[in-house]
């Protein structure tokens, strides 16, 4: 058996607002360059995606505005809570992302942070912002689906 199948995935943080505010086109798994105290703080679940985004700069992908709380038990060698962090992707993925970002309206957003084995990973997505009417359509579809499921289960009766 290979180690890839045996590695456990432990999700640390999910970006819940990403699916509500953006139309997700394609997802990528990227490694993230972290300092030692950042890893310890992440393992404790002290991070936030609020206003975080990824961008391209000179053929590299960077994650910006992600907050990782300073590790409590660290001494003088603690990290900065909000700093730019480099994402590690294959060259073919970087080229593909670069082509899509150059199109109008696409951006890179982080969806979740997780540990695969002992490595911290970030799932990033190419996404396009939703308009207000798109959000309303999604909410209406969700409500209709929920109502149909309730009728099928027999828990709820609706008079139409």
C-alpha atoms as a PDB file:
ATOM      1  CA  UNK A   1       0.000   0.000   0.000  1.00  0.00           C
ATOM      2  CA  UNK A   2       1.201   3.490  -0.746  1.00  0.00           C
ATOM      3  CA  UNK A   3       1.305   6.336   1.748  1.00  0.00           C
ATOM      4  CA  UNK A   4      -1.056   8.438  -0.400  1.00  0.00           C
ATOM      5  CA  UNK A   5      -4.002   6.179   0.408  1.00  0.00           C
ATOM      6  CA  UNK A   6      -3.171   6.011   4.116  1.00  0.00           C
ATOM      7  CA  UNK A   7      -2.759   9.764   4.650  1.00  0.00           C
ATOM      8  CA  UNK A   8      -5.568  11.274   6.648  1.00  0.00           C
ATOM      9  CA  UNK A   9      -7.052  14.642   5.794  1.00  0.00           C
ATOM     10  CA  UNK A  10      -7.860  16.909   8.743  1.00  0.00           C
ATOM     11  CA  UNK A  11      -9.787  20.032   7.743  1.00  0.00           C
ATOM     12  CA  UNK A  12      -8.822  23.088   9.768  1.00  0.00           C
ATOM     13  CA  UNK A  13     -10.838  25.905   8.214  1.00  0.00           C
ATOM     14  CA  UNK A  14     -13.541  26.316   5.548  1.00  0.00           C
ATOM     15  CA  UNK A  15     -14.500  29.468   3.680  1.00  0.00           C
ATOM     16  CA  UNK A  16     -18.281  29.267   4.032  1.00  0.00           C
ATOM     17  CA  UNK A  17     -19.012  32.523   2.254  1.00  0.00           C
ATOM     18  CA  UNK A  18     -17.105  31.487  -0.883  1.00  0.00           C
ATOM     19  CA  UNK A  19     -19.911  29.334  -2.274  1.00  0.00           C
ATOM     20  CA  UNK A  20     -22.492  32.012  -1.490  1.00  0.00           C
ATOM     21  CA  UNK A  21     -20.614  34.956  -2.995  1.00  0.00           C
ATOM     22  CA  UNK A  22     -18.756  33.293  -5.881  1.00  0.00           C
ATOM     23  CA  UNK A  23     -19.410  30.916  -8.746  1.00  0.00           C
ATOM     24  CA  UNK A  24     -16.659  28.284  -8.431  1.00  0.00           C
ATOM     25  CA  UNK A  25     -15.173  27.208 -11.766  1.00  0.00           C
ATOM     26  CA  UNK A  26     -12.168  25.054 -10.914  1.00  0.00           C
ATOM     27  CA  UNK A  27     -10.381  23.921  -7.737  1.00  0.00           C
ATOM     28  CA  UNK A  28      -6.659  23.424  -7.099  1.00  0.00           C
ATOM     29  CA  UNK A  29      -4.732  21.904  -4.203  1.00  0.00           C
ATOM     30  CA  UNK A  30      -1.689  23.946  -3.202  1.00  0.00           C
ATOM     31  CA  UNK A  31       0.962  23.557  -0.570  1.00  0.00           C
ATOM     32  CA  UNK A  32       1.592  26.561   1.639  1.00  0.00           C
ATOM     33  CA  UNK A  33       4.910  27.877   2.954  1.00  0.00           C
ATOM     34  CA  UNK A  34       4.568  28.358   6.712  1.00  0.00           C
ATOM     35  CA  UNK A  35       6.807  29.051   9.688  1.00  0.00           C
ATOM     36  CA  UNK A  36       6.930  26.617  12.626  1.00  0.00           C
ATOM     37  CA  UNK A  37       4.715  28.652  14.933  1.00  0.00           C
ATOM     38  CA  UNK A  38       2.146  29.093  12.147  1.00  0.00           C
ATOM     39  CA  UNK A  39       1.874  25.323  11.771  1.00  0.00           C
ATOM     40  CA  UNK A  40       1.336  24.858  15.513  1.00  0.00           C
ATOM     41  CA  UNK A  41      -1.289  27.577  15.592  1.00  0.00           C
ATOM     42  CA  UNK A  42      -3.051  26.077  12.550  1.00  0.00           C
ATOM     43  CA  UNK A  43      -3.129  22.651  14.174  1.00  0.00           C
ATOM     44  CA  UNK A  44      -4.975  24.279  17.079  1.00  0.00           C
ATOM     45  CA  UNK A  45      -7.470  25.758  14.587  1.00  0.00           C
ATOM     46  CA  UNK A  46      -6.614  29.432  15.140  1.00  0.00           C
ATOM     47  CA  UNK A  47      -7.006  30.934  11.661  1.00  0.00           C
ATOM     48  CA  UNK A  48      -9.429  33.051   9.651  1.00  0.00           C
ATOM     49  CA  UNK A  49     -10.148  33.508   5.926  1.00  0.00           C
ATOM     50  CA  UNK A  50     -11.929  36.855   6.296  1.00  0.00           C
ATOM     51  CA  UNK A  51     -11.059  38.948   3.213  1.00  0.00           C
ATOM     52  CA  UNK A  52      -8.328  36.493   2.138  1.00  0.00           C
ATOM     53  CA  UNK A  53      -7.502  36.073  -1.539  1.00  0.00           C
ATOM     54  CA  UNK A  54      -4.743  34.694  -3.746  1.00  0.00           C
ATOM     55  CA  UNK A  55      -2.953  36.467  -6.578  1.00  0.00           C
ATOM     56  CA  UNK A  56      -0.244  35.925  -9.188  1.00  0.00           C
ATOM     57  CA  UNK A  57       3.080  37.773  -9.053  1.00  0.00           C
ATOM     58  CA  UNK A  58       5.987  36.975 -11.402  1.00  0.00           C
ATOM     59  CA  UNK A  59       4.869  33.406 -12.027  1.00  0.00           C
ATOM     60  CA  UNK A  60       4.185  32.614  -8.367  1.00  0.00           C
ATOM     61  CA  UNK A  61       0.922  32.380  -6.459  1.00  0.00           C
ATOM     62  CA  UNK A  62       0.605  34.197  -3.120  1.00  0.00           C
ATOM     63  CA  UNK A  63      -2.069  34.102  -0.417  1.00  0.00           C
ATOM     64  CA  UNK A  64      -2.837  37.462   1.146  1.00  0.00           C
ATOM     65  CA  UNK A  65      -4.786  38.702   4.187  1.00  0.00           C
ATOM     66  CA  UNK A  66      -5.185  35.311   5.845  1.00  0.00           C
ATOM     67  CA  UNK A  67      -5.013  35.613   9.629  1.00  0.00           C
ATOM     68  CA  UNK A  68      -3.163  32.990  11.678  1.00  0.00           C
ATOM     69  CA  UNK A  69      -3.181  33.755  15.400  1.00  0.00           C
ATOM     70  CA  UNK A  70       0.278  33.954  17.012  1.00  0.00           C
ATOM     71  CA  UNK A  71       1.155  30.785  18.912  1.00  0.00           C
ATOM     72  CA  UNK A  72       0.673  31.333  22.653  1.00  0.00           C
ATOM     73  CA  UNK A  73       3.602  29.216  23.833  1.00  0.00           C
ATOM     74  CA  UNK A  74       6.137  30.717  21.436  1.00  0.00           C
ATOM     75  CA  UNK A  75       8.872  33.058  22.585  1.00  0.00           C
ATOM     76  CA  UNK A  76      10.463  35.879  20.611  1.00  0.00           C
ATOM     77  CA  UNK A  77      10.384  33.842  17.391  1.00  0.00           C
ATOM     78  CA  UNK A  78       6.630  34.155  16.843  1.00  0.00           C
ATOM     79  CA  UNK A  79       5.208  34.961  13.391  1.00  0.00           C
ATOM     80  CA  UNK A  80       3.251  37.936  12.073  1.00  0.00           C
ATOM     81  CA  UNK A  81      -0.500  37.177  12.170  1.00  0.00           C
ATOM     82  CA  UNK A  82      -1.281  38.624   8.716  1.00  0.00           C
ATOM     83  CA  UNK A  83       1.391  38.292   6.053  1.00  0.00           C
ATOM     84  CA  UNK A  84       1.734  37.101   2.478  1.00  0.00           C
ATOM     85  CA  UNK A  85       2.259  33.367   2.198  1.00  0.00           C
ATOM     86  CA  UNK A  86       3.588  31.603  -0.880  1.00  0.00           C
ATOM     87  CA  UNK A  87       1.499  28.814  -2.398  1.00  0.00           C
ATOM     88  CA  UNK A  88       3.188  25.833  -4.033  1.00  0.00           C
ATOM     89  CA  UNK A  89       1.676  24.617  -7.302  1.00  0.00           C
ATOM     90  CA  UNK A  90       2.882  22.757 -10.375  1.00  0.00           C
ATOM     91  CA  UNK A  91       4.003  24.912 -13.315  1.00  0.00           C
ATOM     92  CA  UNK A  92       1.191  23.599 -15.506  1.00  0.00           C
ATOM     93  CA  UNK A  93      -1.376  24.614 -12.875  1.00  0.00           C
ATOM     94  CA  UNK A  94       0.186  28.073 -12.549  1.00  0.00           C
ATOM     95  CA  UNK A  95      -0.005  28.587 -16.327  1.00  0.00           C
ATOM     96  CA  UNK A  96      -3.628  27.441 -16.358  1.00  0.00           C
ATOM     97  CA  UNK A  97      -4.514  29.806 -13.495  1.00  0.00           C
ATOM     98  CA  UNK A  98      -2.686  32.681 -15.178  1.00  0.00           C
ATOM     99  CA  UNK A  99      -4.706  32.219 -18.396  1.00  0.00           C
ATOM    100  CA  UNK A 100      -7.993  32.215 -16.488  1.00  0.00           C
ATOM    101  CA  UNK A 101      -7.154  35.219 -14.299  1.00  0.00           C
ATOM    102  CA  UNK A 102      -6.322  37.297 -17.367  1.00  0.00           C
ATOM    103  CA  UNK A 103      -9.932  36.791 -18.478  1.00  0.00           C
ATOM    104  CA  UNK A 104     -12.299  39.386 -17.162  1.00  0.00           C
ATOM    105  CA  UNK A 105     -13.911  38.654 -13.813  1.00  0.00           C
ATOM    106  CA  UNK A 106     -12.003  35.635 -12.529  1.00  0.00           C
ATOM    107  CA  UNK A 107     -10.207  35.660  -9.194  1.00  0.00           C
ATOM    108  CA  UNK A 108      -8.463  33.180  -6.905  1.00  0.00           C
ATOM    109  CA  UNK A 109     -10.058  32.532  -3.536  1.00  0.00           C
ATOM    110  CA  UNK A 110      -9.137  30.072  -0.766  1.00  0.00           C
ATOM    111  CA  UNK A 111     -11.826  27.504   0.021  1.00  0.00           C
ATOM    112  CA  UNK A 112     -10.282  25.549   2.878  1.00  0.00           C
ATOM    113  CA  UNK A 113      -7.093  24.758   4.766  1.00  0.00           C
ATOM    114  CA  UNK A 114      -6.352  21.199   5.775  1.00  0.00           C
ATOM    115  CA  UNK A 115      -3.520  18.878   6.714  1.00  0.00           C
ATOM    116  CA  UNK A 116      -2.771  15.959   4.436  1.00  0.00           C
ATOM    117  CA  UNK A 117      -0.520  13.812   6.557  1.00  0.00           C
ATOM    118  CA  UNK A 118       1.900  16.321   8.054  1.00  0.00           C
ATOM    119  CA  UNK A 119       1.671  18.863   5.214  1.00  0.00           C
ATOM    120  CA  UNK A 120      -0.548  21.939   5.321  1.00  0.00           C
ATOM    121  CA  UNK A 121      -2.552  22.388   2.122  1.00  0.00           C
ATOM    122  CA  UNK A 122      -4.847  25.095   0.800  1.00  0.00           C
ATOM    123  CA  UNK A 123      -7.660  24.440  -1.630  1.00  0.00           C
ATOM    124  CA  UNK A 124      -7.952  27.454  -3.908  1.00  0.00           C
ATOM    125  CA  UNK A 125     -10.535  28.027  -6.597  1.00  0.00           C
ATOM    126  CA  UNK A 126     -10.917  30.046  -9.751  1.00  0.00           C
ATOM    127  CA  UNK A 127     -14.117  31.926  -9.164  1.00  0.00           C
ATOM    128  CA  UNK A 128     -16.282  34.691 -10.534  1.00  0.00           C
ATOM    129  CA  UNK A 129     -18.351  36.949  -8.280  1.00  0.00           C
ATOM    130  CA  UNK A 130     -22.091  36.362  -8.257  1.00  0.00           C
ATOM    131  CA  UNK A 131     -24.576  39.108  -8.942  1.00  0.00           C
ATOM    132  CA  UNK A 132     -27.416  39.768  -6.522  1.00  0.00           C
ATOM    133  CA  UNK A 133     -29.982  38.046  -8.735  1.00  0.00           C
ATOM    134  CA  UNK A 134     -27.757  34.934  -8.985  1.00  0.00           C
ATOM    135  CA  UNK A 135     -27.740  34.691  -5.193  1.00  0.00           C
ATOM    136  CA  UNK A 136     -31.524  34.981  -5.116  1.00  0.00           C
ATOM    137  CA  UNK A 137     -31.868  32.180  -7.683  1.00  0.00           C
ATOM    138  CA  UNK A 138     -29.620  29.913  -5.612  1.00  0.00           C
ATOM    139  CA  UNK A 139     -31.630  30.587  -2.461  1.00  0.00           C
ATOM    140  CA  UNK A 140     -34.903  29.873  -4.291  1.00  0.00           C
ATOM    141  CA  UNK A 141     -33.511  26.581  -5.676  1.00  0.00           C
ATOM    142  CA  UNK A 142     -32.327  25.532  -2.209  1.00  0.00           C
ATOM    143  CA  UNK A 143     -35.714  26.310  -0.664  1.00  0.00           C
ATOM    144  CA  UNK A 144     -37.562  24.380  -3.389  1.00  0.00           C
ATOM    145  CA  UNK A 145     -35.261  21.387  -2.989  1.00  0.00           C
ATOM    146  CA  UNK A 146     -35.692  21.423   0.797  1.00  0.00           C
ATOM    147  CA  UNK A 147     -39.474  21.580   0.448  1.00  0.00           C
ATOM    148  CA  UNK A 148     -39.536  18.661  -2.006  1.00  0.00           C
ATOM    149  CA  UNK A 149     -37.396  16.564   0.345  1.00  0.00           C
ATOM    150  CA  UNK A 150     -39.758  17.323   3.225  1.00  0.00           C
ATOM    151  CA  UNK A 151     -42.780  16.280   1.148  1.00  0.00           C
ATOM    152  CA  UNK A 152     -41.091  13.049   0.100  1.00  0.00           C
ATOM    153  CA  UNK A 153     -40.265  12.176   3.697  1.00  0.00           C
ATOM    154  CA  UNK A 154     -43.817  13.025   4.768  1.00  0.00           C
ATOM    155  CA  UNK A 155     -42.744  15.315   7.573  1.00  0.00           C
ATOM    156  CA  UNK A 156     -44.216  18.483   6.214  1.00  0.00           C
ATOM    157  CA  UNK A 157     -47.317  19.313   4.195  1.00  0.00           C
ATOM    158  CA  UNK A 158     -47.513  22.375   2.001  1.00  0.00           C
ATOM    159  CA  UNK A 159     -50.649  23.681   0.341  1.00  0.00           C
ATOM    160  CA  UNK A 160     -49.821  25.230  -3.001  1.00  0.00           C
END
